[in-house]
Structure formats: structure tokens, C-alpha cells
PDB file of N, CA and C in Angstrom:
ATOM      1  N   MET A   1      16.329  97.374  89.516  1.00  0.00           N
ATOM      2  CA  MET A   1      15.943  96.142  88.731  1.00  0.00           C
ATOM      3  C   MET A   1      15.994  94.928  89.621  1.00  0.00           C
ATOM      4  N   SER A   2      14.658  94.262  90.075  1.00  0.00           N
ATOM      5  CA  SER A   2      14.614  93.234  90.738  1.00  0.00           C
ATOM      6  C   SER A   2      15.099  91.924  90.349  1.00  0.00           C
ATOM      7  N   MET A   3      15.049  90.713  90.807  1.00  0.00           N
ATOM      8  CA  MET A   3      15.612  89.643  90.263  1.00  0.00           C
ATOM      9  C   MET A   3      14.213  88.983  89.267  1.00  0.00           C
ATOM     10  N   ASP A   4      13.049  89.510  89.367  1.00  0.00           N
ATOM     11  CA  ASP A   4      12.300  88.985  88.570  1.00  0.00           C
ATOM     12  C   ASP A   4      12.217  89.613  87.089  1.00  0.00           C
ATOM     13  N   GLU A   5      12.830  90.768  87.000  1.00  0.00           N
ATOM     14  CA  GLU A   5      13.144  91.845  85.930  1.00  0.00           C
ATOM     15  C   GLU A   5      14.110  91.652  84.923  1.00  0.00           C
ATOM     16  N   ARG A   6      14.893  90.322  85.315  1.00  0.00           N
ATOM     17  CA  ARG A   6      16.241  90.381  84.463  1.00  0.00           C
ATOM     18  C   ARG A   6      16.036  90.043  83.169  1.00  0.00           C
ATOM     19  N   PRO A   7      16.453  90.630  82.189  1.00  0.00           N
ATOM     20  CA  PRO A   7      16.439  90.200  80.603  1.00  0.00           C
ATOM     21  C   PRO A   7      16.726  88.846  80.283  1.00  0.00           C
ATOM     22  N   LEU A   8      15.938  88.001  79.456  1.00  0.00           N
ATOM     23  CA  LEU A   8      16.384  86.569  79.028  1.00  0.00           C
ATOM     24  C   LEU A   8      17.632  86.925  78.008  1.00  0.00           C
ATOM     25  N   ILE A   9      18.536  86.344  78.026  1.00  0.00           N
ATOM     26  CA  ILE A   9      19.684  86.158  76.810  1.00  0.00           C
ATOM     27  C   ILE A   9      19.905  84.919  76.449  1.00  0.00           C
ATOM     28  N   LEU A  10      19.782  84.730  75.416  1.00  0.00           N
ATOM     29  CA  LEU A  10      20.042  83.402  74.646  1.00  0.00           C
ATOM     30  C   LEU A  10      21.184  83.321  73.494  1.00  0.00           C
ATOM     31  N   HIS A  11      21.972  82.603  73.714  1.00  0.00           N
ATOM     32  CA  HIS A  11      22.827  82.588  72.846  1.00  0.00           C
ATOM     33  C   HIS A  11      22.791  81.606  71.945  1.00  0.00           C
ATOM     34  N   THR A  12      23.407  81.496  70.372  1.00  0.00           N
ATOM     35  CA  THR A  12      23.169  80.541  69.382  1.00  0.00           C
ATOM     36  C   THR A  12      23.569  79.322  70.062  1.00  0.00           C
ATOM     37  N   THR A  13      24.566  79.167  70.710  1.00  0.00           N
ATOM     38  CA  THR A  13      25.272  78.175  71.426  1.00  0.00           C
ATOM     39  C   THR A  13      24.330  77.269  72.313  1.00  0.00           C
ATOM     40  N   ASN A  14      23.450  78.080  73.362  1.00  0.00           N
ATOM     41  CA  ASN A  14      22.485  77.897  74.137  1.00  0.00           C
ATOM     42  C   ASN A  14      21.387  77.103  73.352  1.00  0.00           C
ATOM     43  N   LEU A  15      21.016  77.928  72.140  1.00  0.00           N
ATOM     44  CA  LEU A  15      19.914  77.284  71.481  1.00  0.00           C
ATOM     45  C   LEU A  15      20.217  75.832  70.969  1.00  0.00           C
ATOM     46  N   PHE A  16      21.327  75.892  70.102  1.00  0.00           N
ATOM     47  CA  PHE A  16      21.751  74.809  69.682  1.00  0.00           C
ATOM     48  C   PHE A  16      21.942  73.472  70.417  1.00  0.00           C
ATOM     49  N   SER A  17      22.720  73.728  71.503  1.00  0.00           N
ATOM     50  CA  SER A  17      22.562  72.559  72.651  1.00  0.00           C
ATOM     51  C   SER A  17      21.360  71.975  73.035  1.00  0.00           C
ATOM     52  N   GLY A  18      20.674  73.030  73.632  1.00  0.00           N
ATOM     53  CA  GLY A  18      19.081  72.687  73.829  1.00  0.00           C
ATOM     54  C   GLY A  18      18.305  71.813  72.822  1.00  0.00           C
ATOM     55  N   LEU A  19      18.346  72.299  71.560  1.00  0.00           N
ATOM     56  CA  LEU A  19      17.855  71.687  70.401  1.00  0.00           C
ATOM     57  C   LEU A  19      18.384  69.997  70.176  1.00  0.00           C
ATOM     58  N   LEU A  20      19.807  70.265  70.439  1.00  0.00           N
ATOM     59  CA  LEU A  20      20.564  68.792  70.171  1.00  0.00           C
ATOM     60  C   LEU A  20      19.658  67.972  71.458  1.00  0.00           C
ATOM     61  N   LEU A  21      19.869  68.300  72.756  1.00  0.00           N
ATOM     62  CA  LEU A  21      19.347  67.913  73.742  1.00  0.00           C
ATOM     63  C   LEU A  21      18.071  67.264  73.495  1.00  0.00           C
ATOM     64  N   ILE A  22      17.111  67.856  73.167  1.00  0.00           N
ATOM     65  CA  ILE A  22      15.778  67.448  72.817  1.00  0.00           C
ATOM     66  C   ILE A  22      15.869  66.703  71.815  1.00  0.00           C
ATOM     67  N   PHE A  23      16.617  66.745  70.691  1.00  0.00           N
ATOM     68  CA  PHE A  23      16.833  65.740  69.520  1.00  0.00           C
ATOM     69  C   PHE A  23      17.066  64.391  69.839  1.00  0.00           C
ATOM     70  N   LEU A  24      18.567  64.373  70.916  1.00  0.00           N
ATOM     71  CA  LEU A  24      18.946  62.956  71.240  1.00  0.00           C
ATOM     72  C   LEU A  24      17.828  62.386  72.025  1.00  0.00           C
ATOM     73  N   GLY A  25      16.855  63.129  72.937  1.00  0.00           N
ATOM     74  CA  GLY A  25      16.172  62.522  73.676  1.00  0.00           C
ATOM     75  C   GLY A  25      14.889  61.990  73.174  1.00  0.00           C
ATOM     76  N   LEU A  26      14.460  62.649  72.004  1.00  0.00           N
ATOM     77  CA  LEU A  26      13.332  61.936  71.112  1.00  0.00           C
ATOM     78  C   LEU A  26      14.086  60.566  70.438  1.00  0.00           C
ATOM     79  N   ALA A  27      15.263  60.890  70.072  1.00  0.00           N
ATOM     80  CA  ALA A  27      15.647  59.460  69.086  1.00  0.00           C
ATOM     81  C   ALA A  27      16.092  58.359  70.111  1.00  0.00           C
ATOM     82  N   LEU A  28      16.439  58.731  71.208  1.00  0.00           N
ATOM     83  CA  LEU A  28      16.453  57.500  72.463  1.00  0.00           C
ATOM     84  C   LEU A  28      15.343  57.072  72.600  1.00  0.00           C
ATOM     85  N   SER A  29      14.463  57.548  72.956  1.00  0.00           N
ATOM     86  CA  SER A  29      13.090  57.119  73.495  1.00  0.00           C
ATOM     87  C   SER A  29      12.286  56.701  72.218  1.00  0.00           C
ATOM     88  N   LEU A  30      12.351  57.171  70.936  1.00  0.00           N
ATOM     89  CA  LEU A  30      11.704  56.240  70.048  1.00  0.00           C
ATOM     90  C   LEU A  30      12.424  55.202  69.555  1.00  0.00           C
ATOM     91  N   GLY A  31      13.575  55.075  69.738  1.00  0.00           N
ATOM     92  CA  GLY A  31      14.546  53.974  69.141  1.00  0.00           C
ATOM     93  C   GLY A  31      15.000  54.044  68.043  1.00  0.00           C
ATOM     94  N   TYR A  32      15.401  55.066  67.651  1.00  0.00           N
ATOM     95  CA  TYR A  32      16.243  55.513  66.583  1.00  0.00           C
ATOM     96  C   TYR A  32      17.960  55.434  66.840  1.00  0.00           C
ATOM     97  N   LEU A  33      18.352  55.505  67.979  1.00  0.00           N
ATOM     98  CA  LEU A  33      19.698  55.580  68.439  1.00  0.00           C
ATOM     99  C   LEU A  33      20.063  54.057  67.862  1.00  0.00           C
ATOM    100  N   THR A  34      19.004  53.040  68.165  1.00  0.00           N
ATOM    101  CA  THR A  34      19.397  51.534  67.948  1.00  0.00           C
ATOM    102  C   THR A  34      19.636  51.507  66.240  1.00  0.00           C
ATOM    103  N   TYR A  35      18.746  52.117  65.811  1.00  0.00           N
ATOM    104  CA  TYR A  35      18.933  52.092  64.123  1.00  0.00           C
ATOM    105  C   TYR A  35      20.309  52.708  63.768  1.00  0.00           C
ATOM    106  N   PHE A  36      20.548  53.598  64.391  1.00  0.00           N
ATOM    107  CA  PHE A  36      21.839  54.302  63.914  1.00  0.00           C
ATOM    108  C   PHE A  36      23.118  53.348  64.478  1.00  0.00           C
ATOM    109  N   ASN A  37      22.946  52.817  65.190  1.00  0.00           N
ATOM    110  CA  ASN A  37      24.110  52.001  65.923  1.00  0.00           C
ATOM    111  C   ASN A  37      24.279  50.914  64.698  1.00  0.00           C
ATOM    112  N   SER A  38      22.940  50.423  64.278  1.00  0.00           N
ATOM    113  CA  SER A  38      23.209  49.153  63.187  1.00  0.00           C
ATOM    114  C   SER A  38      23.770  49.529  61.955  1.00  0.00           C
ATOM    115  N   LEU A  39      24.068  50.918  61.634  1.00  0.00           N
ATOM    116  CA  LEU A  39      24.454  51.693  60.331  1.00  0.00           C
ATOM    117  C   LEU A  39      25.941  51.475  60.401  1.00  0.00           C
ATOM    118  N   ILE A  40      26.543  51.166  61.569  1.00  0.00           N
ATOM    119  CA  ILE A  40      27.796  51.281  62.126  1.00  0.00           C
ATOM    120  C   ILE A  40      28.619  50.262  62.000  1.00  0.00           C
ATOM    121  N   PRO A  41      29.782  50.141  61.052  1.00  0.00           N
ATOM    122  CA  PRO A  41      30.346  48.611  61.083  1.00  0.00           C
ATOM    123  C   PRO A  41      30.797  48.034  62.228  1.00  0.00           C
ATOM    124  N   LEU A  42      30.575  46.680  62.270  1.00  0.00           N
ATOM    125  CA  LEU A  42      30.998  46.078  63.703  1.00  0.00           C
ATOM    126  C   LEU A  42      32.497  46.296  64.213  1.00  0.00           C
ATOM    127  N   GLU A  43      33.162  46.461  63.074  1.00  0.00           N
ATOM    128  CA  GLU A  43      34.882  46.509  63.449  1.00  0.00           C
ATOM    129  C   GLU A  43      35.200  47.647  64.159  1.00  0.00           C
ATOM    130  N   LEU A  44      34.431  48.812  63.554  1.00  0.00           N
ATOM    131  CA  LEU A  44      34.452  50.235  64.196  1.00  0.00           C
ATOM    132  C   LEU A  44      33.642  50.203  65.578  1.00  0.00           C
ATOM    133  N   GLN A  45      32.933  49.515  65.955  1.00  0.00           N
ATOM    134  CA  GLN A  45      31.842  49.519  66.877  1.00  0.00           C
ATOM    135  C   GLN A  45      32.969  48.920  68.268  1.00  0.00           C
ATOM    136  N   VAL A  46      33.755  47.639  67.659  1.00  0.00           N
ATOM    137  CA  VAL A  46      34.491  47.208  68.704  1.00  0.00           C
ATOM    138  C   VAL A  46      35.859  47.927  68.719  1.00  0.00           C
ATOM    139  N   ARG A  47      36.173  48.850  67.805  1.00  0.00           N
ATOM    140  CA  ARG A  47      37.365  49.728  68.423  1.00  0.00           C
ATOM    141  C   ARG A  47      37.054  50.912  69.021  1.00  0.00           C
ATOM    142  N   PHE A  48      35.769  51.210  68.790  1.00  0.00           N
ATOM    143  CA  PHE A  48      35.426  52.230  70.092  1.00  0.00           C
ATOM    144  C   PHE A  48      35.032  51.751  71.242  1.00  0.00           C
ATOM    145  N   ASN A  49      34.782  50.474  71.344  1.00  0.00           N
ATOM    146  CA  ASN A  49      34.365  49.846  72.840  1.00  0.00           C
ATOM    147  C   ASN A  49      35.730  49.691  73.491  1.00  0.00           C
ATOM    148  N   GLY A  50      36.846  49.481  72.464  1.00  0.00           N
ATOM    149  CA  GLY A  50      38.175  49.348  73.286  1.00  0.00           C
ATOM    150  C   GLY A  50      38.562  50.513  73.938  1.00  0.00           C
ATOM    151  N   LEU A  51      38.342  51.745  73.103  1.00  0.00           N
ATOM    152  CA  LEU A  51      38.675  53.219  73.108  1.00  0.00           C
ATOM    153  C   LEU A  51      37.820  53.518  74.508  1.00  0.00           C
ATOM    154  N   GLU A  52      36.652  53.423  74.772  1.00  0.00           N
ATOM    155  CA  GLU A  52      35.938  53.727  75.762  1.00  0.00           C
ATOM    156  C   GLU A  52      36.460  52.871  77.043  1.00  0.00           C
ATOM    157  N   GLU A  53      36.793  51.494  77.130  1.00  0.00           N
ATOM    158  CA  GLU A  53      37.002  50.883  77.953  1.00  0.00           C
ATOM    159  C   GLU A  53      38.353  51.577  78.654  1.00  0.00           C
ATOM    160  N   ALA A  54      39.318  52.163  77.987  1.00  0.00           N
ATOM    161  CA  ALA A  54      40.510  52.586  78.168  1.00  0.00           C
ATOM    162  C   ALA A  54      40.349  53.770  79.167  1.00  0.00           C
ATOM    163  N   VAL A  55      39.638  54.562  78.406  1.00  0.00           N
ATOM    164  CA  VAL A  55      38.948  55.769  78.921  1.00  0.00           C
ATOM    165  C   VAL A  55      38.733  55.743  80.358  1.00  0.00           C
ATOM    166  N   VAL A  56      37.578  54.845  80.430  1.00  0.00           N
ATOM    167  CA  VAL A  56      36.876  54.481  81.857  1.00  0.00           C
ATOM    168  C   VAL A  56      37.748  53.679  82.652  1.00  0.00           C
ATOM    169  N   HIS A  57      38.897  53.227  82.201  1.00  0.00           N
ATOM    170  CA  HIS A  57      39.956  52.282  83.145  1.00  0.00           C
ATOM    171  C   HIS A  57      40.959  53.797  83.448  1.00  0.00           C
ATOM    172  N   TRP A  58      41.320  54.816  82.475  1.00  0.00           N
ATOM    173  CA  TRP A  58      41.969  55.646  82.884  1.00  0.00           C
ATOM    174  C   TRP A  58      41.441  56.802  84.194  1.00  0.00           C
ATOM    175  N   ILE A  59      40.420  57.042  83.976  1.00  0.00           N
ATOM    176  CA  ILE A  59      39.368  57.740  84.951  1.00  0.00           C
ATOM    177  C   ILE A  59      39.292  57.379  86.248  1.00  0.00           C
ATOM    178  N   SER A  60      38.970  56.084  86.441  1.00  0.00           N
ATOM    179  CA  SER A  60      38.498  55.064  87.663  1.00  0.00           C
ATOM    180  C   SER A  60      39.886  54.330  88.260  1.00  0.00           C
TER     181      SER A  60
END
């Protein structure tokens, strides 16, 4: 069997992650992520921002 004749094997996790990546790319390019962020309460956004900064500080 040569390199060109390998079978294509797709697992459900590969398909799901590919579809999720396409969905997030479309949502980002069409501006729907901004709308989604406006649905999250401000207090929760501030809390997640603090958590994100702590993780970035811990990594770097």
C-alpha cells in the first residue's frame, strides 16, 4: 500500500471539533460573538477577566 492509498478514517470527535471550528470562525467573522458577549452579565465578565489575567500571569 503506497502513501496515496491510505484509508481516510474520521472519528466523531474529529468531525465535531472541525464543525465547532467552522462555526466559531463564522460567528467571529459575522459579528455574532460580540452579540453573545453582550448577553453575559458585566459582573461575570469582570470575574472571568480577572481569572484570565491570573492565568496569563501564572504562565508568563
